[in-house]
Amino acid sequence: MNQPSEWIHPVEDKPLTFITDPGHVSGYDFLTRTFTPYYKLGEMEWYYMYNRIKLKDSVNL
């Protein structure tokens, strides 16, 4: 997770589309995931989102 450029790569001829290397789908070392812009998805299509949310140091919970 610290170096995403090592395991997620742009898909040629598809702007803003990325694919993971095999082995990054938990439990299935042969599967990959494809990430596309959310606005390009059709109704009832499966999608995966990747985000990282960090709290600011000044926030106390």
C-alpha atoms as a PDB file:
ATOM      1  CA  MET A   1       0.000   0.000   0.000  1.00  0.00           C
ATOM      2  CA  ASN A   2       2.897   2.359   0.553  1.00  0.00           C
ATOM      3  CA  GLN A   3       4.013   2.192  -3.094  1.00  0.00           C
ATOM      4  CA  PRO A   4       0.875   1.927  -5.274  1.00  0.00           C
ATOM      5  CA  SER A   5       2.866   2.614  -8.443  1.00  0.00           C
ATOM      6  CA  GLU A   6       4.415  -0.846  -7.991  1.00  0.00           C
ATOM      7  CA  TRP A   7       1.096  -2.740  -8.179  1.00  0.00           C
ATOM      8  CA  ILE A   8      -1.459  -0.508  -9.929  1.00  0.00           C
ATOM      9  CA  HIS A   9      -0.870   0.677 -13.496  1.00  0.00           C
ATOM     10  CA  PRO A  10      -2.621   2.812 -16.125  1.00  0.00           C
ATOM     11  CA  VAL A  11      -4.531   0.972 -18.848  1.00  0.00           C
ATOM     12  CA  GLU A  12      -3.306   1.872 -22.314  1.00  0.00           C
ATOM     13  CA  ASP A  13      -5.803   3.826 -24.471  1.00  0.00           C
ATOM     14  CA  LYS A  14      -8.246   4.262 -21.550  1.00  0.00           C
ATOM     15  CA  PRO A  15      -7.765   7.595 -19.766  1.00  0.00           C
ATOM     16  CA  LEU A  16      -8.135   7.551 -15.976  1.00  0.00           C
ATOM     17  CA  THR A  17      -8.416   3.739 -15.947  1.00  0.00           C
ATOM     18  CA  PHE A  18      -6.070   1.608 -13.853  1.00  0.00           C
ATOM     19  CA  ILE A  19      -5.593  -2.119 -13.237  1.00  0.00           C
ATOM     20  CA  THR A  20      -3.952  -3.937 -10.348  1.00  0.00           C
ATOM     21  CA  ASP A  21      -1.377  -6.680 -10.672  1.00  0.00           C
ATOM     22  CA  PRO A  22      -2.649 -10.207  -9.995  1.00  0.00           C
ATOM     23  CA  GLY A  23      -2.692 -11.031  -6.295  1.00  0.00           C
ATOM     24  CA  HIS A  24      -4.181  -7.806  -4.975  1.00  0.00           C
ATOM     25  CA  VAL A  25      -7.678  -9.212  -4.540  1.00  0.00           C
ATOM     26  CA  SER A  26      -7.809 -10.775  -1.095  1.00  0.00           C
ATOM     27  CA  GLY A  27      -7.857 -14.562  -1.294  1.00  0.00           C
ATOM     28  CA  TYR A  28      -7.492 -14.798  -5.077  1.00  0.00           C
ATOM     29  CA  ASP A  29      -3.923 -14.561  -6.313  1.00  0.00           C
ATOM     30  CA  PHE A  30      -4.955 -14.696 -10.000  1.00  0.00           C
ATOM     31  CA  LEU A  31      -7.576 -11.893 -10.019  1.00  0.00           C
ATOM     32  CA  THR A  32      -7.076  -8.216 -10.788  1.00  0.00           C
ATOM     33  CA  ARG A  33      -9.246  -5.144 -10.191  1.00  0.00           C
ATOM     34  CA  THR A  34      -9.901  -2.396 -12.714  1.00  0.00           C
ATOM     35  CA  PHE A  35     -10.560   1.150 -11.557  1.00  0.00           C
ATOM     36  CA  THR A  36     -12.453   3.497 -13.877  1.00  0.00           C
ATOM     37  CA  PRO A  37     -13.973   6.945 -13.376  1.00  0.00           C
ATOM     38  CA  TYR A  38     -17.217   6.658 -11.425  1.00  0.00           C
ATOM     39  CA  TYR A  39     -19.140   8.786 -13.909  1.00  0.00           C
ATOM     40  CA  LYS A  40     -18.464   6.224 -16.668  1.00  0.00           C
ATOM     41  CA  LEU A  41     -20.234   3.390 -14.853  1.00  0.00           C
ATOM     42  CA  GLY A  42     -23.661   2.312 -15.971  1.00  0.00           C
ATOM     43  CA  GLU A  43     -26.639   1.575 -13.806  1.00  0.00           C
ATOM     44  CA  MET A  44     -26.307  -1.581 -11.682  1.00  0.00           C
ATOM     45  CA  GLU A  45     -22.601  -2.066 -12.549  1.00  0.00           C
ATOM     46  CA  TRP A  46     -20.192  -3.300  -9.876  1.00  0.00           C
ATOM     47  CA  TYR A  47     -17.460  -0.888  -8.918  1.00  0.00           C
ATOM     48  CA  TYR A  48     -14.545  -0.599  -6.498  1.00  0.00           C
ATOM     49  CA  MET A  49     -13.353   2.570  -4.858  1.00  0.00           C
ATOM     50  CA  TYR A  50      -9.913   3.131  -3.457  1.00  0.00           C
ATOM     51  CA  ASN A  51      -9.472   5.924  -1.006  1.00  0.00           C
ATOM     52  CA  ARG A  52      -7.243   6.775   1.884  1.00  0.00           C
ATOM     53  CA  ILE A  53      -8.619   8.976   4.611  1.00  0.00           C
ATOM     54  CA  LYS A  54      -6.196  10.480   7.099  1.00  0.00           C
ATOM     55  CA  LEU A  55      -7.115  12.452  10.176  1.00  0.00           C
ATOM     56  CA  LYS A  56      -5.346  15.711  10.802  1.00  0.00           C
ATOM     57  CA  ASP A  57      -2.964  15.653  13.740  1.00  0.00           C
ATOM     58  CA  SER A  58      -5.017  18.298  15.528  1.00  0.00           C
ATOM     59  CA  VAL A  59      -8.190  16.167  15.571  1.00  0.00           C
ATOM     60  CA  ASN A  60      -8.896  14.348  18.857  1.00  0.00           C
ATOM     61  CA  LEU A  61     -11.397  11.515  18.918  1.00  0.00           C
END
